[in-house]
Amino acid sequence: MQRDVLLERFFTATISGNRTQARHLVDQLIESDCAPERILTGLFWPTIQHVEKLYRADQLSQLGHNYATRLIRTLAEQMQLRLDQKERNGRKVLMSCGNQQAEELSALISADLLEANGFNVYFCGGGIANDELVAQIGELQPHVLVVFGAVPETVPQTRILIDRLHDIGICPNLQIVVGGGVFNRADGLAEEIGADLWAADPDELAKVITTEPDRRMAANQRTVGRKQRAKRSAA
């Protein structure tokens, strides 16, 4: 089946809540030996993106949006069980995300791929207060903090979180990675808030975290909190 045709059929099935048809299409891919990670990144992810694009443009109803996000989440959780798991690499990832259903679904797929690549992933979802995240970072001492699939309303809180982590030095070697959501729609936002790495999609996220573990943004490159630091230094 051609990819465009498959995507269209899967999209139509998910927004109409046709669970049987959606599962049938996924089963066809599995029977044709399509790798589970390709189903996650080549079918589920672009469908989520398309659903969100139409929903933001008021071209998709709340009903269709809910049908699609709930159904794809169920299928993604089932697909996670099929992923080949690499040997644990000893690196811990704490992942949060936007507090909307589609953003959490995108982050869930990202968490599954990272775990399959050998990382120990702690996925807390969205809506977690900065104080709780800071406390968990202090306790867990993760190697990487990922904020994937943020929505515009949560960016200021992410900005404050990053500045606070750099300020108090609770986990000095922490790598901060962002991607998906609003970071895909606003060029330069990742750099502006002080992230060390940025990824457009779950597949790229797994690759950059795996291949660039030592990448950090220099202090003089960070725009987040720069005015506050300058004031404190002057005082």
Protein backbone atom coordinates (compact mmCIF):
# COMPACT_ATOMS: atom_id res chain seq x y z
CA MET A 1 0.00 0.00 0.00
CA GLN A 2 1.38 3.43 -0.93
CA ARG A 3 2.33 5.57 2.06
CA ASP A 4 0.02 8.49 1.18
CA VAL A 5 -2.93 6.14 0.76
CA LEU A 6 -2.14 4.41 4.04
CA LEU A 7 -1.87 7.72 5.91
CA GLU A 8 -5.17 8.93 4.48
CA ARG A 9 -6.98 5.70 5.37
CA PHE A 10 -5.52 5.66 8.87
CA PHE A 11 -6.36 9.33 9.42
CA THR A 12 -9.94 8.78 8.27
CA ALA A 13 -10.32 5.75 10.52
CA THR A 14 -8.96 7.51 13.60
CA ILE A 15 -10.95 10.76 13.36
CA SER A 16 -14.15 8.76 12.83
CA GLY A 17 -13.40 6.53 15.82
CA ASN A 18 -13.28 3.39 13.66
CA ARG A 19 -11.12 1.28 15.96
CA THR A 20 -11.56 -1.90 13.92
CA GLN A 21 -10.37 -0.28 10.69
CA ALA A 22 -7.44 1.45 12.37
CA ARG A 23 -6.29 -1.81 13.96
CA HIS A 24 -6.69 -3.63 10.66
CA LEU A 25 -4.36 -1.16 8.92
CA VAL A 26 -1.77 -1.52 11.68
CA ASP A 27 -2.07 -5.32 11.54
CA GLN A 28 -1.41 -5.22 7.80
CA LEU A 29 1.85 -3.36 8.42
CA ILE A 30 2.90 -5.81 11.13
CA GLU A 31 2.14 -8.78 8.85
CA SER A 32 4.28 -7.19 6.13
CA ASP A 33 7.22 -7.06 8.60
CA CYS A 34 7.15 -3.29 9.02
CA ALA A 35 9.30 -2.45 12.06
CA PRO A 36 7.33 -1.21 15.09
CA GLU A 37 9.43 1.95 15.33
CA ARG A 38 8.54 2.77 11.71
CA ILE A 39 4.85 2.41 12.52
CA LEU A 40 5.28 4.78 15.46
CA THR A 41 7.28 7.38 13.53
CA GLY A 42 5.95 6.93 10.00
CA LEU A 43 2.24 6.41 10.70
CA PHE A 44 1.20 7.44 14.19
CA TRP A 45 3.37 10.56 14.47
CA PRO A 46 2.43 12.21 11.13
CA THR A 47 -1.22 11.42 11.77
CA ILE A 48 -1.06 13.15 15.15
CA GLN A 49 0.60 16.15 13.51
CA HIS A 50 -2.08 16.33 10.82
CA VAL A 51 -4.87 16.02 13.37
CA GLU A 52 -3.39 18.85 15.45
CA LYS A 53 -2.88 21.09 12.42
CA LEU A 54 -6.51 20.73 11.37
CA TYR A 55 -7.78 21.11 14.92
CA ARG A 56 -5.82 24.35 15.50
CA ALA A 57 -7.24 25.70 12.24
CA ASP A 58 -10.81 24.85 13.31
CA GLN A 59 -11.05 22.33 10.48
CA LEU A 60 -11.58 19.33 12.76
CA SER A 61 -14.21 18.94 15.45
CA GLN A 62 -13.52 18.24 19.11
CA LEU A 63 -15.15 14.86 18.58
CA GLY A 64 -12.80 13.95 15.72
CA HIS A 65 -9.81 15.20 17.67
CA ASN A 66 -10.73 13.13 20.73
CA TYR A 67 -11.43 10.04 18.65
CA ALA A 68 -8.02 10.25 16.98
CA THR A 69 -5.85 11.05 20.01
CA ARG A 70 -7.45 8.40 22.23
CA LEU A 71 -7.32 5.71 19.59
CA ILE A 72 -3.74 6.40 18.53
CA ARG A 73 -2.65 6.38 22.17
CA THR A 74 -4.14 2.92 22.62
CA LEU A 75 -2.40 1.66 19.50
CA ALA A 76 0.91 3.29 20.46
CA GLU A 77 0.87 1.65 23.89
CA GLN A 78 0.31 -1.72 22.22
CA MET A 79 3.13 -1.04 19.74
CA GLN A 80 5.54 -0.27 22.56
CA LEU A 81 5.43 -3.93 23.56
CA ARG A 82 6.74 -4.88 20.12
CA LEU A 83 9.81 -2.63 20.17
CA ASP A 84 13.19 -4.34 20.36
CA GLN A 85 14.89 -3.23 23.56
CA LYS A 86 18.59 -2.45 23.44
CA GLU A 87 20.80 -3.10 26.45
CA ARG A 88 20.43 -0.40 29.14
CA ASN A 89 23.06 2.32 28.68
CA GLY A 90 22.96 3.62 32.26
CA ARG A 91 21.57 7.04 31.28
CA LYS A 92 18.41 8.40 32.89
CA VAL A 93 15.92 10.66 31.11
CA LEU A 94 13.20 12.66 32.85
CA MET A 95 10.53 13.66 30.33
CA SER A 96 7.68 16.14 30.63
CA CYS A 97 5.42 17.66 28.00
CA GLY A 98 2.54 19.98 27.26
CA ASN A 99 -0.67 19.42 29.17
CA GLN A 100 -2.85 18.63 26.17
CA GLN A 101 -3.76 15.17 24.88
CA ALA A 102 -1.90 15.33 21.55
CA GLU A 103 1.28 16.73 23.11
CA GLU A 104 1.28 14.00 25.75
CA LEU A 105 0.73 11.39 23.06
CA SER A 106 3.71 12.70 21.07
CA ALA A 107 5.85 12.65 24.19
CA LEU A 108 4.71 9.11 25.00
CA ILE A 109 5.94 7.90 21.60
CA SER A 110 9.23 9.70 22.22
CA ALA A 111 9.58 8.06 25.63
CA ASP A 112 8.95 4.62 24.12
CA LEU A 113 11.63 5.12 21.46
CA LEU A 114 14.17 6.40 23.98
CA GLU A 115 13.52 3.43 26.24
CA ALA A 116 13.94 1.06 23.30
CA ASN A 117 17.30 2.74 22.63
CA GLY A 118 18.57 1.78 26.08
CA PHE A 119 17.66 4.80 28.21
CA ASN A 120 15.92 4.56 31.57
CA VAL A 121 12.97 6.89 30.99
CA TYR A 122 10.85 8.56 33.65
CA PHE A 123 7.81 10.01 31.87
CA CYS A 124 5.72 12.32 34.05
CA GLY A 125 3.43 13.78 31.38
CA GLY A 126 2.11 17.33 31.48
CA GLY A 127 0.78 19.69 34.12
CA ILE A 128 3.61 19.15 36.63
CA ALA A 129 4.61 22.23 38.64
CA ASN A 130 8.19 23.48 38.30
CA ASP A 131 8.81 22.98 42.04
CA GLU A 132 7.97 19.30 41.70
CA LEU A 133 10.17 18.91 38.61
CA VAL A 134 13.11 20.61 40.34
CA ALA A 135 12.69 18.38 43.39
CA GLN A 136 12.52 15.27 41.21
CA ILE A 137 15.62 16.32 39.27
CA GLY A 138 17.46 16.78 42.56
CA GLU A 139 16.39 13.33 43.74
CA LEU A 140 16.70 11.43 40.49
CA GLN A 141 19.82 13.16 39.11
CA PRO A 142 18.91 12.39 35.48
CA HIS A 143 21.39 12.84 32.68
CA VAL A 144 18.77 14.43 30.42
CA LEU A 145 15.64 16.53 30.93
CA VAL A 146 13.30 16.44 27.93
CA VAL A 147 10.39 18.82 27.42
CA PHE A 148 8.67 17.44 24.34
CA GLY A 149 5.45 18.70 22.81
CA ALA A 150 5.10 21.93 24.78
CA VAL A 151 2.14 24.20 24.05
CA PRO A 152 2.51 28.01 23.86
CA GLU A 153 0.93 28.48 27.28
CA THR A 154 3.59 26.35 28.98
CA VAL A 155 6.68 27.89 27.33
CA PRO A 156 7.07 30.65 29.97
CA GLN A 157 7.10 27.99 32.69
CA THR A 158 9.68 25.97 30.74
CA ARG A 159 11.79 29.11 30.38
CA ILE A 160 11.60 29.73 34.14
CA LEU A 161 12.42 26.08 34.87
CA ILE A 162 15.56 26.11 32.72
CA ASP A 163 16.78 29.38 34.22
CA ARG A 164 16.19 28.08 37.74
CA LEU A 165 18.07 24.85 37.07
CA HIS A 166 21.08 26.78 35.77
CA ASP A 167 20.82 29.21 38.65
CA ILE A 168 20.75 26.74 41.54
CA GLY A 169 22.98 24.11 39.95
CA ILE A 170 20.99 21.24 41.42
CA CYS A 171 22.10 18.92 38.62
CA PRO A 172 25.05 20.71 36.98
CA ASN A 173 25.70 18.18 34.21
CA LEU A 174 22.06 17.95 33.16
CA GLN A 175 21.41 18.14 29.41
CA ILE A 176 18.18 19.96 28.51
CA VAL A 177 16.42 18.93 25.32
CA VAL A 178 13.21 20.27 23.80
CA GLY A 179 11.21 19.49 20.69
CA GLY A 180 7.88 18.95 19.03
CA GLY A 181 4.80 21.05 19.75
CA VAL A 182 5.34 24.80 19.71
CA PHE A 183 9.10 24.35 19.24
CA ASN A 184 8.35 23.06 15.72
CA ARG A 185 6.33 26.15 14.93
CA ALA A 186 8.55 28.88 16.36
CA ASP A 187 12.04 29.11 14.85
CA GLY A 188 14.74 29.89 17.38
CA LEU A 189 12.54 29.32 20.43
CA ALA A 190 14.59 26.35 21.64
CA GLU A 191 17.80 28.38 21.60
CA GLU A 192 16.06 31.38 23.14
CA ILE A 193 15.00 29.50 26.25
CA GLY A 194 18.43 27.91 26.72
CA ALA A 195 17.97 24.32 25.55
CA ASP A 196 21.10 22.32 24.76
CA LEU A 197 19.51 20.25 21.99
CA TRP A 198 16.37 20.43 19.88
CA ALA A 199 14.51 17.77 17.87
CA ALA A 200 11.57 18.02 15.51
CA ASP A 201 10.07 14.57 16.04
CA PRO A 202 10.38 11.47 18.26
CA ASP A 203 12.77 9.70 15.90
CA GLU A 204 15.14 12.67 15.74
CA LEU A 205 14.90 13.10 19.50
CA ALA A 206 16.19 9.57 20.10
CA LYS A 207 19.01 10.12 17.62
CA VAL A 208 20.30 13.45 18.95
CA ILE A 209 20.22 12.34 22.59
CA THR A 210 22.07 9.14 21.66
CA THR A 211 24.70 10.75 19.44
CA GLU A 212 25.29 14.08 21.24
CA PRO A 213 25.43 13.32 24.98
CA ASP A 214 28.04 16.02 25.67
CA ARG A 215 26.43 18.91 23.79
CA ARG A 216 25.71 21.90 26.06
CA MET A 217 24.84 25.48 25.27
CA ALA A 218 27.47 27.85 26.62
CA ALA A 219 26.33 30.26 29.33
CA ASN A 220 26.89 33.30 27.10
CA GLN A 221 24.65 31.78 24.41
CA ARG A 222 21.62 31.53 26.66
CA THR A 223 19.13 34.36 26.38
CA VAL A 224 16.86 33.02 29.10
CA GLY A 225 17.43 34.82 32.37
CA ARG A 226 20.24 36.95 30.91
CA LYS A 227 18.80 40.26 32.17
CA GLN A 228 18.20 38.86 35.65
CA ARG A 229 21.76 37.52 35.87
CA ALA A 230 23.16 40.82 34.70
CA LYS A 231 21.22 42.67 37.40
CA ARG A 232 22.42 40.32 40.11
CA SER A 233 26.03 40.70 38.93
CA ALA A 234 25.74 44.49 38.94
CA ALA A 235 24.35 44.43 42.46
